[in-house]
Amino acid sequence: MSYFSIIFWLVTVAVIFGVLWWQGQITRLAGYIRETRVELEKCSWPTWEELKGSTVLVSISIAILGLFTVGVDRVLYYIFIVLKF
């Protein structure tokens, strides 16, 4: 990159930052981040054992749903192709 393009992008970023600061958007963003951190501190995160148990449950549910989908697909294939509806 040439020095001109580096200076151009630095000035562009500075102008955009200045406009956002002037409009109060930077302050709003900082408040949003602060509030998000406060809310995340209120969350209760699962333990490692709970997480493993949930993962197993979701995996089994996906397998059952997949088998159901394959079964319905085969039945519909038989109805529409083999019986020529």
N, C-alpha and C. Protein backbone atom coordinates (compact mmCIF):
# COMPACT_ATOMS: atom_id res chain seq x y z
N MET A 1 0.84 -1.18 0.00
CA MET A 1 0.00 0.00 0.00
C MET A 1 0.88 1.24 0.00
N SER A 2 0.40 2.23 -0.66
CA SER A 2 1.16 3.48 -0.69
C SER A 2 0.82 4.32 0.54
N TYR A 3 1.67 5.30 0.80
CA TYR A 3 1.42 6.18 1.94
C TYR A 3 0.13 6.95 1.77
N PHE A 4 -0.19 7.30 0.52
CA PHE A 4 -1.43 8.03 0.26
C PHE A 4 -2.65 7.23 0.69
N SER A 5 -2.69 5.94 0.35
CA SER A 5 -3.86 5.13 0.69
C SER A 5 -3.96 4.92 2.20
N ILE A 6 -2.82 4.77 2.87
CA ILE A 6 -2.83 4.62 4.33
C ILE A 6 -3.37 5.89 4.98
N ILE A 7 -2.88 7.04 4.54
CA ILE A 7 -3.34 8.32 5.09
C ILE A 7 -4.81 8.53 4.77
N PHE A 8 -5.23 8.17 3.55
CA PHE A 8 -6.62 8.32 3.15
C PHE A 8 -7.53 7.52 4.08
N TRP A 9 -7.18 6.26 4.36
CA TRP A 9 -8.03 5.42 5.21
C TRP A 9 -8.01 5.88 6.66
N LEU A 10 -6.87 6.35 7.13
CA LEU A 10 -6.81 6.88 8.49
C LEU A 10 -7.70 8.11 8.64
N VAL A 11 -7.66 9.01 7.66
CA VAL A 11 -8.51 10.21 7.69
C VAL A 11 -9.98 9.82 7.59
N THR A 12 -10.29 8.86 6.72
CA THR A 12 -11.67 8.42 6.55
C THR A 12 -12.22 7.84 7.85
N VAL A 13 -11.45 6.97 8.50
CA VAL A 13 -11.88 6.38 9.77
C VAL A 13 -12.02 7.46 10.83
N ALA A 14 -11.11 8.41 10.88
CA ALA A 14 -11.18 9.49 11.86
C ALA A 14 -12.42 10.35 11.65
N VAL A 15 -12.74 10.66 10.39
CA VAL A 15 -13.93 11.47 10.10
C VAL A 15 -15.20 10.72 10.49
N ILE A 16 -15.28 9.43 10.15
CA ILE A 16 -16.45 8.64 10.51
C ILE A 16 -16.59 8.57 12.03
N PHE A 17 -15.48 8.33 12.73
CA PHE A 17 -15.51 8.28 14.19
C PHE A 17 -15.96 9.62 14.75
N GLY A 18 -15.46 10.72 14.18
CA GLY A 18 -15.84 12.06 14.65
C GLY A 18 -17.32 12.33 14.45
N VAL A 19 -17.86 11.94 13.32
CA VAL A 19 -19.29 12.15 13.05
C VAL A 19 -20.13 11.32 14.02
N LEU A 20 -19.74 10.06 14.22
CA LEU A 20 -20.48 9.21 15.15
C LEU A 20 -20.41 9.76 16.57
N TRP A 21 -19.24 10.27 16.96
CA TRP A 21 -19.08 10.86 18.29
C TRP A 21 -19.97 12.09 18.44
N TRP A 22 -19.99 12.92 17.41
CA TRP A 22 -20.79 14.15 17.43
C TRP A 22 -22.28 13.83 17.54
N GLN A 23 -22.72 12.76 16.89
CA GLN A 23 -24.13 12.36 16.93
C GLN A 23 -24.48 11.63 18.23
N GLY A 24 -23.50 11.26 19.02
CA GLY A 24 -23.75 10.56 20.27
C GLY A 24 -23.85 9.05 20.12
N GLN A 25 -23.51 8.54 18.94
CA GLN A 25 -23.61 7.10 18.70
C GLN A 25 -22.57 6.31 19.51
N ILE A 26 -21.40 6.88 19.70
CA ILE A 26 -20.35 6.19 20.46
C ILE A 26 -20.79 6.02 21.92
N THR A 27 -21.42 7.03 22.48
CA THR A 27 -21.91 6.96 23.85
C THR A 27 -23.01 5.91 23.97
N ARG A 28 -23.91 5.87 22.98
CA ARG A 28 -24.97 4.86 22.99
C ARG A 28 -24.38 3.45 22.89
N LEU A 29 -23.37 3.29 22.05
CA LEU A 29 -22.74 1.98 21.90
C LEU A 29 -22.07 1.55 23.21
N ALA A 30 -21.39 2.48 23.86
CA ALA A 30 -20.74 2.17 25.14
C ALA A 30 -21.79 1.78 26.19
N GLY A 31 -22.92 2.47 26.21
CA GLY A 31 -23.99 2.13 27.15
C GLY A 31 -24.57 0.75 26.85
N TYR A 32 -24.73 0.45 25.58
CA TYR A 32 -25.25 -0.86 25.19
C TYR A 32 -24.31 -1.98 25.65
N ILE A 33 -23.02 -1.79 25.45
CA ILE A 33 -22.03 -2.79 25.86
C ILE A 33 -22.04 -2.95 27.38
N ARG A 34 -22.14 -1.83 28.10
CA ARG A 34 -22.17 -1.87 29.56
C ARG A 34 -23.40 -2.65 30.04
N GLU A 35 -24.58 -2.35 29.46
CA GLU A 35 -25.80 -3.05 29.85
C GLU A 35 -25.74 -4.53 29.51
N THR A 36 -25.13 -4.86 28.39
CA THR A 36 -25.00 -6.26 28.00
C THR A 36 -24.14 -7.02 29.00
N ARG A 37 -23.06 -6.43 29.43
CA ARG A 37 -22.20 -7.07 30.43
C ARG A 37 -22.94 -7.30 31.74
N VAL A 38 -23.73 -6.32 32.16
CA VAL A 38 -24.50 -6.46 33.40
C VAL A 38 -25.49 -7.61 33.27
N GLU A 39 -26.18 -7.70 32.14
CA GLU A 39 -27.15 -8.78 31.94
C GLU A 39 -26.48 -10.15 31.87
N LEU A 40 -25.31 -10.22 31.25
CA LEU A 40 -24.59 -11.50 31.16
C LEU A 40 -24.11 -11.97 32.53
N GLU A 41 -23.84 -11.04 33.43
CA GLU A 41 -23.44 -11.43 34.78
C GLU A 41 -24.61 -12.07 35.55
N LYS A 42 -25.84 -11.75 35.15
CA LYS A 42 -27.02 -12.31 35.80
C LYS A 42 -27.33 -13.73 35.31
N CYS A 43 -26.75 -14.11 34.19
CA CYS A 43 -27.03 -15.42 33.60
C CYS A 43 -26.41 -16.53 34.44
N SER A 44 -27.09 -17.66 34.46
CA SER A 44 -26.50 -18.84 35.09
C SER A 44 -26.07 -19.78 33.97
N TRP A 45 -24.82 -20.10 33.94
CA TRP A 45 -24.28 -20.92 32.88
C TRP A 45 -24.28 -22.38 33.34
N PRO A 46 -24.52 -23.31 32.41
CA PRO A 46 -24.58 -24.73 32.80
C PRO A 46 -23.21 -25.24 33.22
N THR A 47 -23.25 -26.25 34.09
CA THR A 47 -22.00 -26.91 34.46
C THR A 47 -21.57 -27.81 33.31
N TRP A 48 -20.36 -28.33 33.41
CA TRP A 48 -19.83 -29.20 32.36
C TRP A 48 -20.69 -30.46 32.21
N GLU A 49 -21.14 -31.01 33.33
CA GLU A 49 -21.98 -32.22 33.29
C GLU A 49 -23.33 -31.92 32.66
N GLU A 50 -23.93 -30.79 32.99
CA GLU A 50 -25.21 -30.41 32.38
C GLU A 50 -25.06 -30.20 30.88
N LEU A 51 -23.96 -29.61 30.48
CA LEU A 51 -23.71 -29.36 29.07
C LEU A 51 -23.54 -30.66 28.30
N LYS A 52 -22.80 -31.61 28.89
CA LYS A 52 -22.64 -32.92 28.23
C LYS A 52 -23.97 -33.64 28.11
N GLY A 53 -24.79 -33.60 29.17
CA GLY A 53 -26.09 -34.24 29.15
C GLY A 53 -27.01 -33.64 28.09
N SER A 54 -27.00 -32.31 27.98
CA SER A 54 -27.82 -31.64 26.98
C SER A 54 -27.35 -31.99 25.57
N THR A 55 -26.04 -32.10 25.39
CA THR A 55 -25.50 -32.44 24.08
C THR A 55 -25.93 -33.83 23.66
N VAL A 56 -25.91 -34.77 24.59
CA VAL A 56 -26.35 -36.13 24.29
C VAL A 56 -27.84 -36.13 23.93
N LEU A 57 -28.63 -35.42 24.70
CA LEU A 57 -30.07 -35.34 24.44
C LEU A 57 -30.36 -34.76 23.06
N VAL A 58 -29.67 -33.68 22.70
CA VAL A 58 -29.87 -33.06 21.39
C VAL A 58 -29.43 -34.02 20.28
N SER A 59 -28.32 -34.72 20.47
CA SER A 59 -27.84 -35.67 19.46
C SER A 59 -28.84 -36.79 19.24
N ILE A 60 -29.41 -37.33 20.32
CA ILE A 60 -30.41 -38.39 20.20
C ILE A 60 -31.66 -37.86 19.50
N SER A 61 -32.09 -36.66 19.85
CA SER A 61 -33.26 -36.06 19.21
C SER A 61 -33.05 -35.87 17.71
N ILE A 62 -31.88 -35.43 17.32
CA ILE A 62 -31.57 -35.25 15.90
C ILE A 62 -31.57 -36.58 15.18
N ALA A 63 -31.03 -37.62 15.80
CA ALA A 63 -31.02 -38.94 15.18
C ALA A 63 -32.44 -39.46 14.98
N ILE A 64 -33.29 -39.29 15.98
CA ILE A 64 -34.68 -39.75 15.87
C ILE A 64 -35.41 -38.97 14.78
N LEU A 65 -35.22 -37.67 14.74
CA LEU A 65 -35.85 -36.86 13.70
C LEU A 65 -35.34 -37.25 12.32
N GLY A 66 -34.06 -37.55 12.20
CA GLY A 66 -33.49 -37.98 10.93
C GLY A 66 -34.08 -39.30 10.48
N LEU A 67 -34.21 -40.26 11.40
CA LEU A 67 -34.80 -41.55 11.06
C LEU A 67 -36.26 -41.39 10.64
N PHE A 68 -36.99 -40.53 11.33
CA PHE A 68 -38.38 -40.26 10.96
C PHE A 68 -38.47 -39.68 9.55
N THR A 69 -37.58 -38.73 9.24
CA THR A 69 -37.57 -38.10 7.92
C THR A 69 -37.26 -39.12 6.84
N VAL A 70 -36.29 -39.99 7.08
CA VAL A 70 -35.94 -41.03 6.11
C VAL A 70 -37.12 -41.98 5.92
N GLY A 71 -37.79 -42.35 7.02
CA GLY A 71 -38.94 -43.25 6.93
C GLY A 71 -40.08 -42.64 6.11
N VAL A 72 -40.40 -41.40 6.38
CA VAL A 72 -41.47 -40.73 5.63
C VAL A 72 -41.07 -40.59 4.16
N ASP A 73 -39.82 -40.29 3.89
CA ASP A 73 -39.35 -40.16 2.52
C ASP A 73 -39.49 -41.48 1.77
N ARG A 74 -39.14 -42.57 2.40
CA ARG A 74 -39.26 -43.89 1.74
C ARG A 74 -40.72 -44.25 1.48
N VAL A 75 -41.58 -43.96 2.44
CA VAL A 75 -43.01 -44.26 2.25
C VAL A 75 -43.57 -43.43 1.10
N LEU A 76 -43.25 -42.14 1.06
CA LEU A 76 -43.74 -41.30 -0.03
C LEU A 76 -43.14 -41.71 -1.37
N TYR A 77 -41.88 -42.12 -1.38
CA TYR A 77 -41.26 -42.62 -2.61
C TYR A 77 -42.03 -43.84 -3.11
N TYR A 78 -42.34 -44.75 -2.21
CA TYR A 78 -43.07 -45.96 -2.60
C TYR A 78 -44.44 -45.59 -3.15
N ILE A 79 -45.11 -44.66 -2.48
CA ILE A 79 -46.46 -44.28 -2.92
C ILE A 79 -46.43 -43.61 -4.30
N PHE A 80 -45.51 -42.65 -4.51
CA PHE A 80 -45.53 -41.87 -5.74
C PHE A 80 -44.78 -42.50 -6.90
N ILE A 81 -43.75 -43.27 -6.65
CA ILE A 81 -42.95 -43.83 -7.74
C ILE A 81 -43.38 -45.26 -8.05
N VAL A 82 -43.39 -46.09 -7.07
CA VAL A 82 -43.69 -47.49 -7.31
C VAL A 82 -45.15 -47.69 -7.70
N LEU A 83 -46.06 -47.01 -7.05
CA LEU A 83 -47.46 -47.15 -7.38
C LEU A 83 -47.90 -46.22 -8.51
N LYS A 84 -46.99 -45.36 -8.99
CA LYS A 84 -47.20 -44.46 -10.15
C LYS A 84 -48.41 -43.55 -10.00
N PHE A 85 -48.49 -42.84 -8.91
CA PHE A 85 -49.54 -41.85 -8.74
C PHE A 85 -49.16 -40.59 -9.45
